[in-house]
ModelCIF file with pLDDT and N, C-alpha, C, O atoms, coordinates in Angstrom:
data_MODEL
#
_entry.id   MODEL 
#
_entity.id                         1 
_entity.type                       polymer 
_entity.pdbx_number_of_molecules   1 
#
_entity_poly.entity_id                      1 
_entity_poly.type                           'polypeptide(L)' 
_entity_poly.nstd_linkage                   no 
_entity_poly.nstd_monomer                   no 
_entity_poly.pdbx_seq_one_letter_code       TNYADSVKGRFTISRDDAKNSVYLQMNSLTPEDTAVYYC 
_entity_poly.pdbx_seq_one_letter_code_can   TNYADSVKGRFTISRDDAKNSVYLQMNSLTPEDTAVYYC 
_entity_poly.pdbx_strand_id                 A 
#
loop_
_entity_poly_seq.entity_id 
_entity_poly_seq.num 
_entity_poly_seq.mon_id 
_entity_poly_seq.hetero 
1 1  THR n 
1 2  ASN n 
1 3  TYR n 
1 4  ALA n 
1 5  ASP n 
1 6  SER n 
1 7  VAL n 
1 8  LYS n 
1 9  GLY n 
1 10 ARG n 
1 11 PHE n 
1 12 THR n 
1 13 ILE n 
1 14 SER n 
1 15 ARG n 
1 16 ASP n 
1 17 ASP n 
1 18 ALA n 
1 19 LYS n 
1 20 ASN n 
1 21 SER n 
1 22 VAL n 
1 23 TYR n 
1 24 LEU n 
1 25 GLN n 
1 26 MET n 
1 27 ASN n 
1 28 SER n 
1 29 LEU n 
1 30 THR n 
1 31 PRO n 
1 32 GLU n 
1 33 ASP n 
1 34 THR n 
1 35 ALA n 
1 36 VAL n 
1 37 TYR n 
1 38 TYR n 
1 39 CYS n 
#
_struct_asym.id          A 
_struct_asym.entity_id   1 
#
loop_
_ma_qa_metric.id 
_ma_qa_metric.mode 
_ma_qa_metric.name 
_ma_qa_metric.software_group_id 
_ma_qa_metric.type 
1 global pLDDT . pLDDT 
2 local  pLDDT . pLDDT 
#
_ma_qa_metric_global.metric_id      1 
_ma_qa_metric_global.metric_value   96.82 
_ma_qa_metric_global.model_id       1 
_ma_qa_metric_global.ordinal_id     1 
#
loop_
_ma_qa_metric_local.label_asym_id 
_ma_qa_metric_local.label_comp_id 
_ma_qa_metric_local.label_seq_id 
_ma_qa_metric_local.metric_id 
_ma_qa_metric_local.metric_value 
_ma_qa_metric_local.model_id 
_ma_qa_metric_local.ordinal_id 
A THR 1  2 96.00 1 1  
A ASN 2  2 95.00 1 2  
A TYR 3  2 97.00 1 3  
A ALA 4  2 97.00 1 4  
A ASP 5  2 97.00 1 5  
A SER 6  2 96.00 1 6  
A VAL 7  2 97.00 1 7  
A LYS 8  2 97.00 1 8  
A GLY 9  2 97.00 1 9  
A ARG 10 2 98.00 1 10 
A PHE 11 2 98.00 1 11 
A THR 12 2 98.00 1 12 
A ILE 13 2 98.00 1 13 
A SER 14 2 97.00 1 14 
A ARG 15 2 95.00 1 15 
A ASP 16 2 95.00 1 16 
A ASP 17 2 92.00 1 17 
A ALA 18 2 93.00 1 18 
A LYS 19 2 95.00 1 19 
A ASN 20 2 95.00 1 20 
A SER 21 2 97.00 1 21 
A VAL 22 2 97.00 1 22 
A TYR 23 2 98.00 1 23 
A LEU 24 2 98.00 1 24 
A GLN 25 2 98.00 1 25 
A MET 26 2 98.00 1 26 
A ASN 27 2 98.00 1 27 
A SER 28 2 98.00 1 28 
A LEU 29 2 98.00 1 29 
A THR 30 2 97.00 1 30 
A PRO 31 2 96.00 1 31 
A GLU 32 2 96.00 1 32 
A ASP 33 2 97.00 1 33 
A THR 34 2 97.00 1 34 
A ALA 35 2 98.00 1 35 
A VAL 36 2 98.00 1 36 
A TYR 37 2 98.00 1 37 
A TYR 38 2 98.00 1 38 
A CYS 39 2 98.00 1 39 
#
loop_
_atom_site.group_PDB 
_atom_site.id 
_atom_site.type_symbol 
_atom_site.label_atom_id 
_atom_site.label_alt_id 
_atom_site.label_comp_id 
_atom_site.label_asym_id 
_atom_site.label_entity_id 
_atom_site.label_seq_id 
_atom_site.pdbx_PDB_ins_code 
_atom_site.Cartn_x 
_atom_site.Cartn_y 
_atom_site.Cartn_z 
_atom_site.occupancy 
_atom_site.B_iso_or_equiv 
_atom_site.pdbx_formal_charge 
_atom_site.auth_seq_id 
_atom_site.auth_comp_id 
_atom_site.auth_asym_id 
_atom_site.auth_atom_id 
_atom_site.pdbx_PDB_model_num 
ATOM 1   N N  . THR A 1 1  ? -13.524 37.344 10.354 1.00 96.00 ? 1  THR A N  1 
ATOM 2   C CA . THR A 1 1  ? -13.685 38.956 10.473 1.00 96.00 ? 1  THR A CA 1 
ATOM 3   C C  . THR A 1 1  ? -14.902 39.434 10.155 1.00 96.00 ? 1  THR A C  1 
ATOM 4   O O  . THR A 1 1  ? -15.579 38.946 9.250  1.00 96.00 ? 1  THR A O  1 
ATOM 5   N N  . ASN A 1 2  ? -15.330 40.579 10.989 1.00 95.00 ? 2  ASN A N  1 
ATOM 6   C CA . ASN A 1 2  ? -16.612 41.365 10.810 1.00 95.00 ? 2  ASN A CA 1 
ATOM 7   C C  . ASN A 1 2  ? -16.151 42.700 10.674 1.00 95.00 ? 2  ASN A C  1 
ATOM 8   O O  . ASN A 1 2  ? -15.060 43.160 11.011 1.00 95.00 ? 2  ASN A O  1 
ATOM 9   N N  . TYR A 1 3  ? -17.256 43.346 10.060 1.00 97.00 ? 3  TYR A N  1 
ATOM 10  C CA . TYR A 1 3  ? -17.099 45.053 9.526  1.00 97.00 ? 3  TYR A CA 1 
ATOM 11  C C  . TYR A 1 3  ? -17.960 45.494 10.160 1.00 97.00 ? 3  TYR A C  1 
ATOM 12  O O  . TYR A 1 3  ? -18.858 44.694 10.423 1.00 97.00 ? 3  TYR A O  1 
ATOM 13  N N  . ALA A 1 4  ? -18.090 46.722 10.623 1.00 97.00 ? 4  ALA A N  1 
ATOM 14  C CA . ALA A 1 4  ? -19.149 47.436 10.586 1.00 97.00 ? 4  ALA A CA 1 
ATOM 15  C C  . ALA A 1 4  ? -19.454 47.979 8.917  1.00 97.00 ? 4  ALA A C  1 
ATOM 16  O O  . ALA A 1 4  ? -18.617 48.024 8.016  1.00 97.00 ? 4  ALA A O  1 
ATOM 17  N N  . ASP A 1 5  ? -20.700 48.309 8.849  1.00 97.00 ? 5  ASP A N  1 
ATOM 18  C CA . ASP A 1 5  ? -21.516 48.650 7.549  1.00 97.00 ? 5  ASP A CA 1 
ATOM 19  C C  . ASP A 1 5  ? -20.997 49.955 7.008  1.00 97.00 ? 5  ASP A C  1 
ATOM 20  O O  . ASP A 1 5  ? -21.441 50.424 5.960  1.00 97.00 ? 5  ASP A O  1 
ATOM 21  N N  . SER A 1 6  ? -20.028 50.561 7.740  1.00 96.00 ? 6  SER A N  1 
ATOM 22  C CA . SER A 1 6  ? -19.723 51.777 7.469  1.00 96.00 ? 6  SER A CA 1 
ATOM 23  C C  . SER A 1 6  ? -18.369 51.905 7.021  1.00 96.00 ? 6  SER A C  1 
ATOM 24  O O  . SER A 1 6  ? -17.834 52.907 6.546  1.00 96.00 ? 6  SER A O  1 
ATOM 25  N N  . VAL A 1 7  ? -17.811 50.612 7.256  1.00 97.00 ? 7  VAL A N  1 
ATOM 26  C CA . VAL A 1 7  ? -16.144 50.417 6.856  1.00 97.00 ? 7  VAL A CA 1 
ATOM 27  C C  . VAL A 1 7  ? -16.173 49.293 5.595  1.00 97.00 ? 7  VAL A C  1 
ATOM 28  O O  . VAL A 1 7  ? -15.238 49.231 4.797  1.00 97.00 ? 7  VAL A O  1 
ATOM 29  N N  . LYS A 1 8  ? -17.215 48.515 5.517  1.00 97.00 ? 8  LYS A N  1 
ATOM 30  C CA . LYS A 1 8  ? -17.217 47.086 4.401  1.00 97.00 ? 8  LYS A CA 1 
ATOM 31  C C  . LYS A 1 8  ? -16.717 47.364 3.248  1.00 97.00 ? 8  LYS A C  1 
ATOM 32  O O  . LYS A 1 8  ? -17.353 48.282 2.729  1.00 97.00 ? 8  LYS A O  1 
ATOM 33  N N  . GLY A 1 9  ? -15.870 46.992 2.611  1.00 97.00 ? 9  GLY A N  1 
ATOM 34  C CA . GLY A 1 9  ? -15.512 47.310 1.320  1.00 97.00 ? 9  GLY A CA 1 
ATOM 35  C C  . GLY A 1 9  ? -14.239 48.323 1.444  1.00 97.00 ? 9  GLY A C  1 
ATOM 36  O O  . GLY A 1 9  ? -13.846 48.565 0.303  1.00 97.00 ? 9  GLY A O  1 
ATOM 37  N N  . ARG A 1 10 ? -13.498 48.963 2.369  1.00 98.00 ? 10 ARG A N  1 
ATOM 38  C CA . ARG A 1 10 ? -12.576 49.943 2.453  1.00 98.00 ? 10 ARG A CA 1 
ATOM 39  C C  . ARG A 1 10 ? -11.944 49.367 3.452  1.00 98.00 ? 10 ARG A C  1 
ATOM 40  O O  . ARG A 1 10 ? -10.755 49.224 3.167  1.00 98.00 ? 10 ARG A O  1 
ATOM 41  N N  . PHE A 1 11 ? -12.250 48.922 4.632  1.00 98.00 ? 11 PHE A N  1 
ATOM 42  C CA . PHE A 1 11 ? -10.872 48.653 5.627  1.00 98.00 ? 11 PHE A CA 1 
ATOM 43  C C  . PHE A 1 11 ? -11.001 46.907 5.503  1.00 98.00 ? 11 PHE A C  1 
ATOM 44  O O  . PHE A 1 11 ? -11.869 46.140 5.086  1.00 98.00 ? 11 PHE A O  1 
ATOM 45  N N  . THR A 1 12 ? -9.595  46.748 6.126  1.00 98.00 ? 12 THR A N  1 
ATOM 46  C CA . THR A 1 12 ? -9.417  45.294 6.007  1.00 98.00 ? 12 THR A CA 1 
ATOM 47  C C  . THR A 1 12 ? -8.623  45.138 7.494  1.00 98.00 ? 12 THR A C  1 
ATOM 48  O O  . THR A 1 12 ? -7.725  45.890 7.871  1.00 98.00 ? 12 THR A O  1 
ATOM 49  N N  . ILE A 1 13 ? -9.125  44.064 8.201  1.00 98.00 ? 13 ILE A N  1 
ATOM 50  C CA . ILE A 1 13 ? -8.327  43.864 9.576  1.00 98.00 ? 13 ILE A CA 1 
ATOM 51  C C  . ILE A 1 13 ? -7.741  42.660 9.377  1.00 98.00 ? 13 ILE A C  1 
ATOM 52  O O  . ILE A 1 13 ? -8.458  41.816 8.839  1.00 98.00 ? 13 ILE A O  1 
ATOM 53  N N  . SER A 1 14 ? -6.457  42.296 9.709  1.00 97.00 ? 14 SER A N  1 
ATOM 54  C CA . SER A 1 14 ? -5.620  41.227 9.503  1.00 97.00 ? 14 SER A CA 1 
ATOM 55  C C  . SER A 1 14 ? -4.542  40.981 11.004 1.00 97.00 ? 14 SER A C  1 
ATOM 56  O O  . SER A 1 14 ? -4.393  41.708 11.986 1.00 97.00 ? 14 SER A O  1 
ATOM 57  N N  . ARG A 1 15 ? -4.039  39.897 10.721 1.00 95.00 ? 15 ARG A N  1 
ATOM 58  C CA . ARG A 1 15 ? -2.852  39.199 11.885 1.00 95.00 ? 15 ARG A CA 1 
ATOM 59  C C  . ARG A 1 15 ? -1.915  38.796 11.251 1.00 95.00 ? 15 ARG A C  1 
ATOM 60  O O  . ARG A 1 15 ? -1.918  38.128 10.218 1.00 95.00 ? 15 ARG A O  1 
ATOM 61  N N  . ASP A 1 16 ? -0.823  39.303 12.022 1.00 95.00 ? 16 ASP A N  1 
ATOM 62  C CA . ASP A 1 16 ? 0.647   38.492 11.660 1.00 95.00 ? 16 ASP A CA 1 
ATOM 63  C C  . ASP A 1 16 ? 0.971   37.785 13.137 1.00 95.00 ? 16 ASP A C  1 
ATOM 64  O O  . ASP A 1 16 ? 1.181   38.436 14.160 1.00 95.00 ? 16 ASP A O  1 
ATOM 65  N N  . ASP A 1 17 ? 0.971   36.200 13.046 1.00 92.00 ? 17 ASP A N  1 
ATOM 66  C CA . ASP A 1 17 ? 1.002   35.879 14.316 1.00 92.00 ? 17 ASP A CA 1 
ATOM 67  C C  . ASP A 1 17 ? 2.272   35.878 14.798 1.00 92.00 ? 17 ASP A C  1 
ATOM 68  O O  . ASP A 1 17 ? 2.394   35.866 16.023 1.00 92.00 ? 17 ASP A O  1 
ATOM 69  N N  . ALA A 1 18 ? 3.364   35.889 14.036 1.00 93.00 ? 18 ALA A N  1 
ATOM 70  C CA . ALA A 1 18 ? 5.007   35.890 14.330 1.00 93.00 ? 18 ALA A CA 1 
ATOM 71  C C  . ALA A 1 18 ? 5.322   37.200 14.676 1.00 93.00 ? 18 ALA A C  1 
ATOM 72  O O  . ALA A 1 18 ? 6.467   37.275 15.120 1.00 93.00 ? 18 ALA A O  1 
ATOM 73  N N  . LYS A 1 19 ? 4.672   38.358 14.633 1.00 95.00 ? 19 LYS A N  1 
ATOM 74  C CA . LYS A 1 19 ? 4.737   39.575 15.577 1.00 95.00 ? 19 LYS A CA 1 
ATOM 75  C C  . LYS A 1 19 ? 3.925   39.818 16.348 1.00 95.00 ? 19 LYS A C  1 
ATOM 76  O O  . LYS A 1 19 ? 4.098   40.786 17.089 1.00 95.00 ? 19 LYS A O  1 
ATOM 77  N N  . ASN A 1 20 ? 2.641   38.953 16.458 1.00 95.00 ? 20 ASN A N  1 
ATOM 78  C CA . ASN A 1 20 ? 2.171   39.224 17.749 1.00 95.00 ? 20 ASN A CA 1 
ATOM 79  C C  . ASN A 1 20 ? 1.278   40.703 17.459 1.00 95.00 ? 20 ASN A C  1 
ATOM 80  O O  . ASN A 1 20 ? 1.009   41.459 18.393 1.00 95.00 ? 20 ASN A O  1 
ATOM 81  N N  . SER A 1 21 ? 0.899   40.971 16.137 1.00 97.00 ? 21 SER A N  1 
ATOM 82  C CA . SER A 1 21 ? 0.020   42.027 15.895 1.00 97.00 ? 21 SER A CA 1 
ATOM 83  C C  . SER A 1 21 ? -0.844  41.981 15.011 1.00 97.00 ? 21 SER A C  1 
ATOM 84  O O  . SER A 1 21 ? -0.757  41.210 14.056 1.00 97.00 ? 21 SER A O  1 
ATOM 85  N N  . VAL A 1 22 ? -2.018  42.972 15.225 1.00 97.00 ? 22 VAL A N  1 
ATOM 86  C CA . VAL A 1 22 ? -3.231  42.935 14.430 1.00 97.00 ? 22 VAL A CA 1 
ATOM 87  C C  . VAL A 1 22 ? -3.259  44.343 13.769 1.00 97.00 ? 22 VAL A C  1 
ATOM 88  O O  . VAL A 1 22 ? -2.969  45.346 14.422 1.00 97.00 ? 22 VAL A O  1 
ATOM 89  N N  . TYR A 1 23 ? -3.601  44.390 12.510 1.00 98.00 ? 23 TYR A N  1 
ATOM 90  C CA . TYR A 1 23 ? -3.555  45.745 11.391 1.00 98.00 ? 23 TYR A CA 1 
ATOM 91  C C  . TYR A 1 23 ? -5.206  46.133 10.990 1.00 98.00 ? 23 TYR A C  1 
ATOM 92  O O  . TYR A 1 23 ? -6.218  45.432 10.977 1.00 98.00 ? 23 TYR A O  1 
ATOM 93  N N  . LEU A 1 24 ? -5.026  47.255 10.747 1.00 98.00 ? 24 LEU A N  1 
ATOM 94  C CA . LEU A 1 24 ? -6.309  47.938 10.071 1.00 98.00 ? 24 LEU A CA 1 
ATOM 95  C C  . LEU A 1 24 ? -5.899  49.025 8.966  1.00 98.00 ? 24 LEU A C  1 
ATOM 96  O O  . LEU A 1 24 ? -5.622  50.221 9.055  1.00 98.00 ? 24 LEU A O  1 
ATOM 97  N N  . GLN A 1 25 ? -5.968  48.181 7.949  1.00 98.00 ? 25 GLN A N  1 
ATOM 98  C CA . GLN A 1 25 ? -5.895  48.764 6.271  1.00 98.00 ? 25 GLN A CA 1 
ATOM 99  C C  . GLN A 1 25 ? -7.154  49.588 6.164  1.00 98.00 ? 25 GLN A C  1 
ATOM 100 O O  . GLN A 1 25 ? -8.218  49.004 5.960  1.00 98.00 ? 25 GLN A O  1 
ATOM 101 N N  . MET A 1 26 ? -7.110  51.107 6.306  1.00 98.00 ? 26 MET A N  1 
ATOM 102 C CA . MET A 1 26 ? -8.035  51.804 5.854  1.00 98.00 ? 26 MET A CA 1 
ATOM 103 C C  . MET A 1 26 ? -7.642  52.474 4.395  1.00 98.00 ? 26 MET A C  1 
ATOM 104 O O  . MET A 1 26 ? -6.541  52.862 4.004  1.00 98.00 ? 26 MET A O  1 
ATOM 105 N N  . ASN A 1 27 ? -8.844  52.477 3.766  1.00 98.00 ? 27 ASN A N  1 
ATOM 106 C CA . ASN A 1 27 ? -8.721  53.032 2.276  1.00 98.00 ? 27 ASN A CA 1 
ATOM 107 C C  . ASN A 1 27 ? -9.518  53.763 2.139  1.00 98.00 ? 27 ASN A C  1 
ATOM 108 O O  . ASN A 1 27 ? -10.379 53.675 3.015  1.00 98.00 ? 27 ASN A O  1 
ATOM 109 N N  . SER A 1 28 ? -9.752  54.809 1.131  1.00 98.00 ? 28 SER A N  1 
ATOM 110 C CA . SER A 1 28 ? -10.805 55.711 0.682  1.00 98.00 ? 28 SER A CA 1 
ATOM 111 C C  . SER A 1 28 ? -11.541 56.578 1.864  1.00 98.00 ? 28 SER A C  1 
ATOM 112 O O  . SER A 1 28 ? -12.719 56.930 1.804  1.00 98.00 ? 28 SER A O  1 
ATOM 113 N N  . LEU A 1 29 ? -10.706 56.842 2.877  1.00 98.00 ? 29 LEU A N  1 
ATOM 114 C CA . LEU A 1 29 ? -11.092 57.771 3.770  1.00 98.00 ? 29 LEU A CA 1 
ATOM 115 C C  . LEU A 1 29 ? -11.453 58.922 3.678  1.00 98.00 ? 29 LEU A C  1 
ATOM 116 O O  . LEU A 1 29 ? -10.770 59.606 2.915  1.00 98.00 ? 29 LEU A O  1 
ATOM 117 N N  . THR A 1 30 ? -12.455 59.511 4.277  1.00 97.00 ? 30 THR A N  1 
ATOM 118 C CA . THR A 1 30 ? -13.069 60.550 4.443  1.00 97.00 ? 30 THR A CA 1 
ATOM 119 C C  . THR A 1 30 ? -13.298 61.383 5.515  1.00 97.00 ? 30 THR A C  1 
ATOM 120 O O  . THR A 1 30 ? -13.070 60.665 6.488  1.00 97.00 ? 30 THR A O  1 
ATOM 121 N N  . PRO A 1 31 ? -13.708 62.798 6.029  1.00 96.00 ? 31 PRO A N  1 
ATOM 122 C CA . PRO A 1 31 ? -13.826 63.181 7.154  1.00 96.00 ? 31 PRO A CA 1 
ATOM 123 C C  . PRO A 1 31 ? -14.437 62.416 7.865  1.00 96.00 ? 31 PRO A C  1 
ATOM 124 O O  . PRO A 1 31 ? -13.943 62.321 8.989  1.00 96.00 ? 31 PRO A O  1 
ATOM 125 N N  . GLU A 1 32 ? -15.674 61.578 7.616  1.00 96.00 ? 32 GLU A N  1 
ATOM 126 C CA . GLU A 1 32 ? -16.338 60.893 8.639  1.00 96.00 ? 32 GLU A CA 1 
ATOM 127 C C  . GLU A 1 32 ? -15.533 60.033 9.568  1.00 96.00 ? 32 GLU A C  1 
ATOM 128 O O  . GLU A 1 32 ? -15.719 59.988 10.784 1.00 96.00 ? 32 GLU A O  1 
ATOM 129 N N  . ASP A 1 33 ? -14.409 59.192 8.752  1.00 97.00 ? 33 ASP A N  1 
ATOM 130 C CA . ASP A 1 33 ? -13.559 58.465 9.399  1.00 97.00 ? 33 ASP A CA 1 
ATOM 131 C C  . ASP A 1 33 ? -12.785 59.332 10.796 1.00 97.00 ? 33 ASP A C  1 
ATOM 132 O O  . ASP A 1 33 ? -12.389 58.692 11.770 1.00 97.00 ? 33 ASP A O  1 
ATOM 133 N N  . THR A 1 34 ? -12.702 60.257 10.743 1.00 97.00 ? 34 THR A N  1 
ATOM 134 C CA . THR A 1 34 ? -11.752 60.631 11.639 1.00 97.00 ? 34 THR A CA 1 
ATOM 135 C C  . THR A 1 34 ? -12.633 60.622 12.732 1.00 97.00 ? 34 THR A C  1 
ATOM 136 O O  . THR A 1 34 ? -13.780 61.062 12.815 1.00 97.00 ? 34 THR A O  1 
ATOM 137 N N  . ALA A 1 35 ? -11.689 59.866 13.836 1.00 98.00 ? 35 ALA A N  1 
ATOM 138 C CA . ALA A 1 35 ? -11.740 59.397 15.308 1.00 98.00 ? 35 ALA A CA 1 
ATOM 139 C C  . ALA A 1 35 ? -10.563 59.282 16.170 1.00 98.00 ? 35 ALA A C  1 
ATOM 140 O O  . ALA A 1 35 ? -9.524  59.841 15.817 1.00 98.00 ? 35 ALA A O  1 
ATOM 141 N N  . VAL A 1 36 ? -10.603 58.749 17.047 1.00 98.00 ? 36 VAL A N  1 
ATOM 142 C CA . VAL A 1 36 ? -9.468  57.941 17.663 1.00 98.00 ? 36 VAL A CA 1 
ATOM 143 C C  . VAL A 1 36 ? -9.999  56.483 17.918 1.00 98.00 ? 36 VAL A C  1 
ATOM 144 O O  . VAL A 1 36 ? -11.001 56.052 18.488 1.00 98.00 ? 36 VAL A O  1 
ATOM 145 N N  . TYR A 1 37 ? -8.869  55.854 17.232 1.00 98.00 ? 37 TYR A N  1 
ATOM 146 C CA . TYR A 1 37 ? -9.024  54.637 16.674 1.00 98.00 ? 37 TYR A CA 1 
ATOM 147 C C  . TYR A 1 37 ? -8.155  53.662 17.879 1.00 98.00 ? 37 TYR A C  1 
ATOM 148 O O  . TYR A 1 37 ? -6.947  53.802 18.073 1.00 98.00 ? 37 TYR A O  1 
ATOM 149 N N  . TYR A 1 38 ? -8.945  52.753 18.559 1.00 98.00 ? 38 TYR A N  1 
ATOM 150 C CA . TYR A 1 38 ? -8.598  51.718 19.692 1.00 98.00 ? 38 TYR A CA 1 
ATOM 151 C C  . TYR A 1 38 ? -8.470  50.339 19.576 1.00 98.00 ? 38 TYR A C  1 
ATOM 152 O O  . TYR A 1 38 ? -9.425  49.564 19.520 1.00 98.00 ? 38 TYR A O  1 
ATOM 153 N N  . CYS A 1 39 ? -7.070  49.968 19.532 1.00 98.00 ? 39 CYS A N  1 
ATOM 154 C CA . CYS A 1 39 ? -7.231  48.344 19.690 1.00 98.00 ? 39 CYS A CA 1 
ATOM 155 C C  . CYS A 1 39 ? -7.650  47.668 20.803 1.00 98.00 ? 39 CYS A C  1 
ATOM 156 O O  . CYS A 1 39 ? -7.726  46.439 20.786 1.00 98.00 ? 39 CYS A O  1 
#
């Protein structure tokens, strides 16, 4: 995994191969995190 400096320590990306899915756990959100998020 790799993270942008702006989200290090707050966001976690992970995979679930059985579900063919990827996740983004987002913590401690601020208004600066407002955006359209794309996979």
